[in-house]
Amino acid sequence: MASHAIVRSAIFLLVASMYFSASSGVSQYVLATICGQTQNQETCEEILQSDPRTSSADPPLLSLISLELTMKRVDRNFDTFSQFWDNTIDQALKIGFKNCVTLYQNMKDILRADYKLSQQEKYDRITDLGQLTTLAYNCENGISSSISPTAGITEDMLLIAQTAVYTNSYVAGS
């Protein structure tokens, strides 16, 4: 009986080491599993690997990393839209940019709450990250311009939001 328990433990450790190990952290398999669900697997992997801690991260740290990277992008976009709002003289654009500032503030609030849940390892309660995508689209769609100067900002936001959504979904299931 004891030998069966040892064999089961050894098999579990072997399988677990395929996904996470002390020396390599997040495996390519895990990154592919997470990022294969996004619109752009390569960009998702680049986003996660842009943080040097990813190479040695366990699932809880990977959740925090994805949220931190998303918060940085949201903060940058908030600042950009605030500057656009302050500097434009076109009233229609000014209204659109003000709307974006409000929407990005909502994103900041969502991320702060989800970051706390991640710190508490309550991954199954992180269910509202998908709203980031809706808020980013609402920002872009609220800017009245035939040629949107913000399309790149929105595209980047959508990719990093998807990265956070699928990373935290993966961590919740692991």
N, C-alpha and C. Protein backbone atom coordinates (compact mmCIF):
# COMPACT_ATOMS: atom_id res chain seq x y z
N MET A 1 0.81 -1.20 0.00
CA MET A 1 0.00 0.00 0.00
C MET A 1 0.86 1.26 0.00
N ALA A 2 1.87 1.28 0.85
CA ALA A 2 2.75 2.44 0.92
C ALA A 2 3.46 2.65 -0.40
N SER A 3 3.80 1.55 -1.08
CA SER A 3 4.50 1.69 -2.36
C SER A 3 3.58 2.30 -3.42
N HIS A 4 2.26 2.00 -3.37
CA HIS A 4 1.32 2.60 -4.31
C HIS A 4 1.22 4.10 -4.08
N ALA A 5 1.23 4.50 -2.83
CA ALA A 5 1.17 5.93 -2.50
C ALA A 5 2.43 6.64 -2.99
N ILE A 6 3.55 5.99 -2.86
CA ILE A 6 4.81 6.59 -3.32
C ILE A 6 4.80 6.71 -4.85
N VAL A 7 4.32 5.67 -5.53
CA VAL A 7 4.25 5.70 -6.99
C VAL A 7 3.30 6.81 -7.44
N ARG A 8 2.13 6.91 -6.81
CA ARG A 8 1.17 7.97 -7.16
C ARG A 8 1.78 9.34 -6.93
N SER A 9 2.48 9.51 -5.83
CA SER A 9 3.13 10.79 -5.55
C SER A 9 4.19 11.10 -6.59
N ALA A 10 4.97 10.10 -6.97
CA ALA A 10 6.01 10.30 -7.98
C ALA A 10 5.40 10.68 -9.32
N ILE A 11 4.31 10.02 -9.71
CA ILE A 11 3.64 10.35 -10.97
C ILE A 11 3.10 11.76 -10.93
N PHE A 12 2.48 12.14 -9.83
CA PHE A 12 1.95 13.49 -9.68
C PHE A 12 3.06 14.51 -9.83
N LEU A 13 4.17 14.29 -9.17
CA LEU A 13 5.29 15.23 -9.24
C LEU A 13 5.86 15.32 -10.65
N LEU A 14 5.92 14.20 -11.32
CA LEU A 14 6.42 14.19 -12.69
C LEU A 14 5.51 15.00 -13.60
N VAL A 15 4.21 14.76 -13.50
CA VAL A 15 3.25 15.51 -14.32
C VAL A 15 3.28 16.99 -13.96
N ALA A 16 3.32 17.30 -12.68
CA ALA A 16 3.36 18.70 -12.26
C ALA A 16 4.61 19.39 -12.77
N SER A 17 5.72 18.66 -12.81
CA SER A 17 6.97 19.28 -13.27
C SER A 17 6.92 19.63 -14.75
N MET A 18 6.03 18.98 -15.51
CA MET A 18 5.86 19.34 -16.92
C MET A 18 5.27 20.74 -17.05
N TYR A 19 4.49 21.14 -16.08
CA TYR A 19 3.81 22.43 -16.15
C TYR A 19 4.58 23.53 -15.43
N PHE A 20 5.06 23.25 -14.26
CA PHE A 20 5.79 24.23 -13.47
C PHE A 20 6.95 23.53 -12.80
N SER A 21 8.10 24.14 -12.81
CA SER A 21 9.21 23.59 -12.06
C SER A 21 9.99 24.74 -11.46
N ALA A 22 10.70 24.46 -10.40
CA ALA A 22 11.44 25.50 -9.70
C ALA A 22 12.48 26.14 -10.62
N SER A 23 13.05 25.36 -11.51
CA SER A 23 14.11 25.91 -12.34
C SER A 23 13.56 26.67 -13.55
N SER A 24 12.42 26.26 -14.07
CA SER A 24 11.95 26.90 -15.30
C SER A 24 10.67 27.68 -15.13
N GLY A 25 9.98 27.55 -14.03
CA GLY A 25 8.75 28.30 -13.82
C GLY A 25 7.69 27.89 -14.82
N VAL A 26 7.12 28.85 -15.50
CA VAL A 26 6.04 28.61 -16.44
C VAL A 26 6.63 27.97 -17.71
N SER A 27 6.10 26.82 -18.06
CA SER A 27 6.59 26.12 -19.25
C SER A 27 5.98 26.72 -20.51
N GLN A 28 6.60 26.40 -21.64
CA GLN A 28 6.05 26.81 -22.93
C GLN A 28 4.67 26.21 -23.13
N TYR A 29 4.47 25.01 -22.62
CA TYR A 29 3.17 24.36 -22.73
C TYR A 29 2.09 25.19 -22.03
N VAL A 30 2.39 25.67 -20.84
CA VAL A 30 1.42 26.48 -20.09
C VAL A 30 1.15 27.78 -20.83
N LEU A 31 2.21 28.44 -21.30
CA LEU A 31 2.01 29.68 -22.06
C LEU A 31 1.16 29.42 -23.31
N ALA A 32 1.44 28.33 -24.00
CA ALA A 32 0.67 28.01 -25.20
C ALA A 32 -0.79 27.70 -24.84
N THR A 33 -1.00 27.02 -23.73
CA THR A 33 -2.36 26.70 -23.28
C THR A 33 -3.13 27.98 -22.98
N ILE A 34 -2.51 28.88 -22.28
CA ILE A 34 -3.15 30.16 -21.93
C ILE A 34 -3.34 31.01 -23.18
N CYS A 35 -2.25 31.24 -23.88
CA CYS A 35 -2.26 32.21 -24.97
C CYS A 35 -2.91 31.71 -26.24
N GLY A 36 -3.03 30.40 -26.38
CA GLY A 36 -3.70 29.85 -27.55
C GLY A 36 -5.17 30.22 -27.62
N GLN A 37 -5.72 30.68 -26.52
CA GLN A 37 -7.12 31.07 -26.48
C GLN A 37 -7.34 32.53 -26.90
N THR A 38 -6.26 33.29 -26.99
CA THR A 38 -6.37 34.71 -27.31
C THR A 38 -6.37 34.93 -28.82
N GLN A 39 -6.58 36.17 -29.24
CA GLN A 39 -6.56 36.49 -30.66
C GLN A 39 -5.16 36.39 -31.25
N ASN A 40 -4.13 36.52 -30.40
CA ASN A 40 -2.76 36.51 -30.91
C ASN A 40 -1.86 35.82 -29.88
N GLN A 41 -1.61 34.54 -30.10
CA GLN A 41 -0.84 33.74 -29.14
C GLN A 41 0.56 34.31 -28.94
N GLU A 42 1.20 34.70 -30.01
CA GLU A 42 2.57 35.20 -29.90
C GLU A 42 2.63 36.48 -29.06
N THR A 43 1.72 37.40 -29.28
CA THR A 43 1.71 38.64 -28.51
C THR A 43 1.40 38.37 -27.05
N CYS A 44 0.48 37.46 -26.79
CA CYS A 44 0.15 37.09 -25.41
C CYS A 44 1.38 36.55 -24.69
N GLU A 45 2.10 35.65 -25.35
CA GLU A 45 3.31 35.09 -24.74
C GLU A 45 4.35 36.18 -24.50
N GLU A 46 4.48 37.10 -25.46
CA GLU A 46 5.43 38.21 -25.30
C GLU A 46 5.03 39.09 -24.11
N ILE A 47 3.73 39.33 -23.96
CA ILE A 47 3.25 40.14 -22.84
C ILE A 47 3.65 39.49 -21.52
N LEU A 48 3.33 38.21 -21.36
CA LEU A 48 3.66 37.53 -20.10
C LEU A 48 5.16 37.44 -19.88
N GLN A 49 5.92 37.18 -20.94
CA GLN A 49 7.36 37.04 -20.79
C GLN A 49 8.07 38.38 -20.66
N SER A 50 7.33 39.48 -20.84
CA SER A 50 7.95 40.80 -20.66
C SER A 50 8.29 41.06 -19.19
N ASP A 51 7.67 40.31 -18.31
CA ASP A 51 8.01 40.40 -16.89
C ASP A 51 9.01 39.29 -16.58
N PRO A 52 10.20 39.65 -16.11
CA PRO A 52 11.22 38.63 -15.87
C PRO A 52 10.83 37.58 -14.83
N ARG A 53 9.85 37.87 -14.00
CA ARG A 53 9.43 36.90 -12.99
C ARG A 53 8.68 35.72 -13.59
N THR A 54 8.15 35.89 -14.81
CA THR A 54 7.39 34.82 -15.44
C THR A 54 8.21 33.55 -15.58
N SER A 55 9.48 33.69 -15.85
CA SER A 55 10.32 32.52 -16.08
C SER A 55 10.43 31.62 -14.86
N SER A 56 10.13 32.14 -13.68
CA SER A 56 10.20 31.31 -12.47
C SER A 56 8.89 31.33 -11.69
N ALA A 57 7.82 31.78 -12.32
CA ALA A 57 6.54 31.96 -11.62
C ALA A 57 5.80 30.65 -11.40
N ASP A 58 5.13 30.58 -10.25
CA ASP A 58 4.16 29.52 -10.02
C ASP A 58 2.79 30.12 -10.40
N PRO A 59 1.73 29.33 -10.41
CA PRO A 59 0.42 29.87 -10.84
C PRO A 59 -0.02 31.12 -10.07
N PRO A 60 0.08 31.18 -8.73
CA PRO A 60 -0.35 32.40 -8.05
C PRO A 60 0.42 33.64 -8.51
N LEU A 61 1.72 33.50 -8.69
CA LEU A 61 2.51 34.65 -9.15
C LEU A 61 2.15 35.01 -10.58
N LEU A 62 1.90 34.01 -11.42
CA LEU A 62 1.52 34.29 -12.80
C LEU A 62 0.23 35.10 -12.86
N SER A 63 -0.71 34.80 -11.99
CA SER A 63 -1.95 35.59 -11.91
C SER A 63 -1.62 37.05 -11.58
N LEU A 64 -0.80 37.25 -10.57
CA LEU A 64 -0.43 38.62 -10.17
C LEU A 64 0.31 39.34 -11.29
N ILE A 65 1.21 38.64 -11.94
CA ILE A 65 1.96 39.25 -13.04
C ILE A 65 1.01 39.72 -14.14
N SER A 66 0.07 38.87 -14.53
CA SER A 66 -0.85 39.24 -15.61
C SER A 66 -1.68 40.46 -15.22
N LEU A 67 -2.09 40.51 -13.97
CA LEU A 67 -2.88 41.66 -13.51
C LEU A 67 -2.03 42.93 -13.41
N GLU A 68 -0.79 42.78 -12.95
CA GLU A 68 0.10 43.94 -12.86
C GLU A 68 0.39 44.51 -14.24
N LEU A 69 0.66 43.65 -15.21
CA LEU A 69 0.92 44.11 -16.57
C LEU A 69 -0.31 44.82 -17.15
N THR A 70 -1.48 44.29 -16.85
CA THR A 70 -2.72 44.91 -17.33
C THR A 70 -2.94 46.26 -16.65
N MET A 71 -2.66 46.32 -15.35
CA MET A 71 -2.81 47.60 -14.63
C MET A 71 -1.87 48.65 -15.19
N LYS A 72 -0.65 48.27 -15.53
CA LYS A 72 0.30 49.23 -16.11
C LYS A 72 -0.23 49.77 -17.42
N ARG A 73 -0.78 48.89 -18.26
CA ARG A 73 -1.30 49.33 -19.55
C ARG A 73 -2.51 50.24 -19.35
N VAL A 74 -3.39 49.88 -18.42
CA VAL A 74 -4.57 50.70 -18.15
C VAL A 74 -4.14 52.08 -17.63
N ASP A 75 -3.17 52.11 -16.74
CA ASP A 75 -2.67 53.39 -16.23
C ASP A 75 -2.11 54.25 -17.36
N ARG A 76 -1.32 53.64 -18.25
CA ARG A 76 -0.75 54.37 -19.38
C ARG A 76 -1.85 54.92 -20.29
N ASN A 77 -2.84 54.07 -20.59
CA ASN A 77 -3.93 54.51 -21.46
C ASN A 77 -4.77 55.59 -20.79
N PHE A 78 -5.00 55.46 -19.50
CA PHE A 78 -5.72 56.50 -18.75
C PHE A 78 -5.00 57.83 -18.89
N ASP A 79 -3.69 57.82 -18.70
CA ASP A 79 -2.89 59.05 -18.83
C ASP A 79 -2.95 59.60 -20.25
N THR A 80 -2.88 58.72 -21.24
CA THR A 80 -2.93 59.15 -22.65
C THR A 80 -4.27 59.81 -22.96
N PHE A 81 -5.37 59.17 -22.56
CA PHE A 81 -6.68 59.75 -22.83
C PHE A 81 -6.90 61.04 -22.04
N SER A 82 -6.33 61.12 -20.86
CA SER A 82 -6.42 62.36 -20.09
C SER A 82 -5.70 63.49 -20.83
N GLN A 83 -4.54 63.18 -21.39
CA GLN A 83 -3.81 64.20 -22.16
C GLN A 83 -4.57 64.59 -23.43
N PHE A 84 -5.13 63.59 -24.12
CA PHE A 84 -5.94 63.90 -25.30
C PHE A 84 -7.10 64.83 -24.92
N TRP A 85 -7.75 64.50 -23.82
CA TRP A 85 -8.90 65.28 -23.36
C TRP A 85 -8.47 66.71 -23.04
N ASP A 86 -7.36 66.85 -22.36
CA ASP A 86 -6.86 68.18 -21.98
C ASP A 86 -6.43 69.00 -23.20
N ASN A 87 -5.90 68.34 -24.22
CA ASN A 87 -5.25 69.07 -25.31
C ASN A 87 -6.08 69.25 -26.57
N THR A 88 -7.20 68.56 -26.69
CA THR A 88 -7.98 68.72 -27.92
C THR A 88 -8.91 69.92 -27.82
N ILE A 89 -9.12 70.54 -28.96
CA ILE A 89 -10.07 71.67 -28.98
C ILE A 89 -11.37 71.28 -29.67
N ASP A 90 -11.37 70.14 -30.36
CA ASP A 90 -12.57 69.64 -31.01
C ASP A 90 -13.53 69.12 -29.93
N GLN A 91 -14.71 69.71 -29.84
CA GLN A 91 -15.65 69.37 -28.77
C GLN A 91 -16.13 67.93 -28.83
N ALA A 92 -16.37 67.42 -30.02
CA ALA A 92 -16.83 66.03 -30.14
C ALA A 92 -15.74 65.07 -29.65
N LEU A 93 -14.49 65.34 -30.03
CA LEU A 93 -13.39 64.51 -29.55
C LEU A 93 -13.21 64.65 -28.04
N LYS A 94 -13.38 65.89 -27.56
CA LYS A 94 -13.22 66.14 -26.13
C LYS A 94 -14.21 65.28 -25.32
N ILE A 95 -15.44 65.19 -25.80
CA ILE A 95 -16.46 64.37 -25.14
C ILE A 95 -16.06 62.89 -25.19
N GLY A 96 -15.61 62.44 -26.36
CA GLY A 96 -15.18 61.05 -26.50
C GLY A 96 -14.00 60.72 -25.60
N PHE A 97 -13.02 61.61 -25.53
CA PHE A 97 -11.85 61.37 -24.69
C PHE A 97 -12.22 61.39 -23.20
N LYS A 98 -13.14 62.27 -22.82
CA LYS A 98 -13.59 62.30 -21.42
C LYS A 98 -14.27 60.99 -21.07
N ASN A 99 -15.06 60.47 -22.00
CA ASN A 99 -15.71 59.18 -21.81
C ASN A 99 -14.66 58.08 -21.61
N CYS A 100 -13.60 58.13 -22.39
CA CYS A 100 -12.53 57.13 -22.26
C CYS A 100 -11.84 57.23 -20.90
N VAL A 101 -11.63 58.44 -20.43
CA VAL A 101 -11.02 58.62 -19.10
C VAL A 101 -11.89 57.95 -18.04
N THR A 102 -13.19 58.15 -18.15
CA THR A 102 -14.12 57.52 -17.19
C THR A 102 -14.09 56.00 -17.31
N LEU A 103 -14.09 55.49 -18.54
CA LEU A 103 -14.07 54.04 -18.75
C LEU A 103 -12.77 53.42 -18.24
N TYR A 104 -11.66 54.09 -18.48
CA TYR A 104 -10.38 53.57 -17.99
C TYR A 104 -10.29 53.65 -16.47
N GLN A 105 -10.96 54.62 -15.87
CA GLN A 105 -11.03 54.65 -14.40
C GLN A 105 -11.80 53.43 -13.89
N ASN A 106 -12.88 53.08 -14.60
CA ASN A 106 -13.63 51.87 -14.25
C ASN A 106 -12.74 50.63 -14.34
N MET A 107 -11.89 50.58 -15.39
CA MET A 107 -10.97 49.46 -15.53
C MET A 107 -10.00 49.40 -14.36
N LYS A 108 -9.51 50.56 -13.94
CA LYS A 108 -8.59 50.60 -12.79
C LYS A 108 -9.26 50.02 -11.55
N ASP A 109 -10.52 50.38 -11.35
CA ASP A 109 -11.26 49.89 -10.18
C ASP A 109 -11.43 48.37 -10.23
N ILE A 110 -11.77 47.85 -11.40
CA ILE A 110 -11.94 46.40 -11.58
C ILE A 110 -10.62 45.69 -11.27
N LEU A 111 -9.55 46.20 -11.84
CA LEU A 111 -8.24 45.56 -11.65
C LEU A 111 -7.75 45.60 -10.21
N ARG A 112 -8.00 46.70 -9.54
CA ARG A 112 -7.60 46.79 -8.12
C ARG A 112 -8.32 45.72 -7.30
N ALA A 113 -9.61 45.56 -7.53
CA ALA A 113 -10.39 44.56 -6.80
C ALA A 113 -9.92 43.14 -7.15
N ASP A 114 -9.67 42.90 -8.43
CA ASP A 114 -9.23 41.57 -8.85
C ASP A 114 -7.82 41.27 -8.35
N TYR A 115 -6.98 42.27 -8.27
CA TYR A 115 -5.63 42.07 -7.75
C TYR A 115 -5.69 41.62 -6.28
N LYS A 116 -6.58 42.23 -5.52
CA LYS A 116 -6.75 41.82 -4.12
C LYS A 116 -7.23 40.37 -4.04
N LEU A 117 -8.16 40.00 -4.92
CA LEU A 117 -8.64 38.62 -4.94
C LEU A 117 -7.51 37.66 -5.30
N SER A 118 -6.67 38.06 -6.23
CA SER A 118 -5.54 37.22 -6.61
C SER A 118 -4.56 37.07 -5.44
N GLN A 119 -4.30 38.16 -4.74
CA GLN A 119 -3.41 38.09 -3.57
C GLN A 119 -3.96 37.12 -2.52
N GLN A 120 -5.29 37.05 -2.44
CA GLN A 120 -5.95 36.16 -1.48
C GLN A 120 -6.15 34.76 -2.07
N GLU A 121 -5.67 34.54 -3.30
CA GLU A 121 -5.80 33.27 -4.02
C GLU A 121 -7.26 32.84 -4.20
N LYS A 122 -8.12 33.82 -4.44
CA LYS A 122 -9.54 33.57 -4.70
C LYS A 122 -9.80 33.72 -6.20
N TYR A 123 -9.11 32.90 -6.98
CA TYR A 123 -9.13 33.03 -8.43
C TYR A 123 -10.51 32.79 -9.03
N ASP A 124 -11.29 31.93 -8.41
CA ASP A 124 -12.63 31.64 -8.94
C ASP A 124 -13.56 32.84 -8.80
N ARG A 125 -13.17 33.84 -8.01
CA ARG A 125 -14.00 35.04 -7.85
C ARG A 125 -13.56 36.16 -8.79
N ILE A 126 -12.50 35.92 -9.55
CA ILE A 126 -12.04 36.90 -10.54
C ILE A 126 -12.82 36.61 -11.83
N THR A 127 -13.98 37.21 -11.93
CA THR A 127 -14.89 36.90 -13.03
C THR A 127 -15.22 38.10 -13.91
N ASP A 128 -14.70 39.27 -13.57
CA ASP A 128 -15.11 40.46 -14.31
C ASP A 128 -14.04 41.04 -15.22
N LEU A 129 -12.95 40.31 -15.46
CA LEU A 129 -11.90 40.81 -16.34
C LEU A 129 -12.39 40.98 -17.78
N GLY A 130 -13.38 40.20 -18.17
CA GLY A 130 -13.95 40.33 -19.51
C GLY A 130 -14.56 41.71 -19.75
N GLN A 131 -14.93 42.39 -18.69
CA GLN A 131 -15.48 43.74 -18.82
C GLN A 131 -14.45 44.71 -19.38
N LEU A 132 -13.17 44.42 -19.19
CA LEU A 132 -12.12 45.31 -19.71
C LEU A 132 -12.24 45.43 -21.23
N THR A 133 -12.54 44.33 -21.88
CA THR A 133 -12.70 44.33 -23.33
C THR A 133 -13.88 45.21 -23.74
N THR A 134 -14.99 45.03 -23.05
CA THR A 134 -16.18 45.84 -23.35
C THR A 134 -15.90 47.32 -23.13
N LEU A 135 -15.24 47.65 -22.03
CA LEU A 135 -14.94 49.05 -21.73
C LEU A 135 -13.99 49.65 -22.77
N ALA A 136 -13.00 48.87 -23.21
CA ALA A 136 -12.07 49.36 -24.24
C ALA A 136 -12.81 49.61 -25.56
N TYR A 137 -13.70 48.68 -25.94
CA TYR A 137 -14.51 48.89 -27.15
C TYR A 137 -15.41 50.10 -26.99
N ASN A 138 -16.02 50.26 -25.83
CA ASN A 138 -16.89 51.41 -25.61
C ASN A 138 -16.12 52.72 -25.74
N CYS A 139 -14.90 52.74 -25.26
CA CYS A 139 -14.05 53.92 -25.41
C CYS A 139 -13.82 54.21 -26.88
N GLU A 140 -13.35 53.22 -27.60
CA GLU A 140 -13.04 53.40 -29.03
C GLU A 140 -14.28 53.82 -29.82
N ASN A 141 -15.40 53.17 -29.54
CA ASN A 141 -16.63 53.47 -30.28
C ASN A 141 -17.22 54.83 -29.92
N GLY A 142 -16.82 55.39 -28.80
CA GLY A 142 -17.34 56.69 -28.38
C GLY A 142 -16.55 57.87 -28.92
N ILE A 143 -15.50 57.59 -29.66
CA ILE A 143 -14.69 58.67 -30.21
C ILE A 143 -15.15 58.92 -31.64
N SER A 144 -15.69 60.12 -31.85
CA SER A 144 -16.24 60.44 -33.17
C SER A 144 -15.13 60.94 -34.09
N SER A 145 -14.67 60.04 -34.91
CA SER A 145 -13.63 60.39 -35.87
C SER A 145 -13.65 59.31 -36.96
N SER A 146 -13.56 59.76 -38.20
CA SER A 146 -13.57 58.78 -39.28
C SER A 146 -12.27 57.97 -39.29
N ILE A 147 -11.20 58.56 -38.84
CA ILE A 147 -9.92 57.85 -38.71
C ILE A 147 -9.53 57.95 -37.24
N SER A 148 -9.68 56.87 -36.53
CA SER A 148 -9.42 56.90 -35.10
C SER A 148 -7.93 56.90 -34.81
N PRO A 149 -7.47 57.91 -34.07
CA PRO A 149 -6.06 57.95 -33.69
C PRO A 149 -5.77 57.00 -32.53
N THR A 150 -6.80 56.36 -32.04
CA THR A 150 -6.63 55.53 -30.84
C THR A 150 -6.81 54.05 -31.10
N ALA A 151 -6.94 53.65 -32.35
CA ALA A 151 -7.18 52.24 -32.67
C ALA A 151 -6.05 51.35 -32.14
N GLY A 152 -4.81 51.79 -32.24
CA GLY A 152 -3.67 51.02 -31.74
C GLY A 152 -3.73 50.85 -30.23
N ILE A 153 -4.14 51.90 -29.54
CA ILE A 153 -4.27 51.83 -28.08
C ILE A 153 -5.31 50.78 -27.72
N THR A 154 -6.43 50.81 -28.42
CA THR A 154 -7.51 49.85 -28.15
C THR A 154 -7.08 48.43 -28.47
N GLU A 155 -6.41 48.24 -29.59
CA GLU A 155 -5.97 46.89 -29.97
C GLU A 155 -5.02 46.32 -28.91
N ASP A 156 -4.06 47.12 -28.47
CA ASP A 156 -3.14 46.66 -27.42
C ASP A 156 -3.88 46.35 -26.13
N MET A 157 -4.85 47.17 -25.80
CA MET A 157 -5.62 46.96 -24.57
C MET A 157 -6.40 45.65 -24.65
N LEU A 158 -6.99 45.39 -25.80
CA LEU A 158 -7.76 44.15 -25.97
C LEU A 158 -6.86 42.92 -25.81
N LEU A 159 -5.67 42.96 -26.36
CA LEU A 159 -4.75 41.83 -26.27
C LEU A 159 -4.28 41.60 -24.84
N ILE A 160 -3.96 42.66 -24.13
CA ILE A 160 -3.49 42.48 -22.76
C ILE A 160 -4.66 42.08 -21.85
N ALA A 161 -5.86 42.57 -22.14
CA ALA A 161 -7.03 42.16 -21.35
C ALA A 161 -7.30 40.67 -21.55
N GLN A 162 -7.21 40.20 -22.79
CA GLN A 162 -7.40 38.77 -23.06
C GLN A 162 -6.35 37.94 -22.34
N THR A 163 -5.13 38.44 -22.32
CA THR A 163 -4.04 37.73 -21.63
C THR A 163 -4.38 37.57 -20.16
N ALA A 164 -4.87 38.62 -19.53
CA ALA A 164 -5.24 38.55 -18.11
C ALA A 164 -6.42 37.62 -17.89
N VAL A 165 -7.41 37.70 -18.77
CA VAL A 165 -8.60 36.84 -18.64
C VAL A 165 -8.20 35.37 -18.69
N TYR A 166 -7.45 34.98 -19.70
CA TYR A 166 -7.12 33.57 -19.88
C TYR A 166 -6.06 33.08 -18.89
N THR A 167 -5.18 33.96 -18.47
CA THR A 167 -4.21 33.57 -17.44
C THR A 167 -4.94 33.26 -16.15
N ASN A 168 -5.84 34.12 -15.74
CA ASN A 168 -6.53 33.92 -14.48
C ASN A 168 -7.55 32.79 -14.56
N SER A 169 -8.10 32.56 -15.72
CA SER A 169 -8.96 31.39 -15.90
C SER A 169 -8.14 30.11 -15.75
N TYR A 170 -6.97 30.11 -16.34
CA TYR A 170 -6.08 28.94 -16.23
C TYR A 170 -5.69 28.71 -14.76
N VAL A 171 -5.29 29.76 -14.09
CA VAL A 171 -4.87 29.64 -12.69
C VAL A 171 -6.03 29.16 -11.81
N ALA A 172 -7.22 29.64 -12.09
CA ALA A 172 -8.40 29.21 -11.31
C ALA A 172 -8.65 27.71 -11.47
N GLY A 173 -8.32 27.19 -12.64
CA GLY A 173 -8.54 25.77 -12.91
C GLY A 173 -7.39 24.87 -12.53
N SER A 174 -6.28 25.47 -12.12
CA SER A 174 -5.10 24.63 -11.81
C SER A 174 -5.05 24.24 -10.35
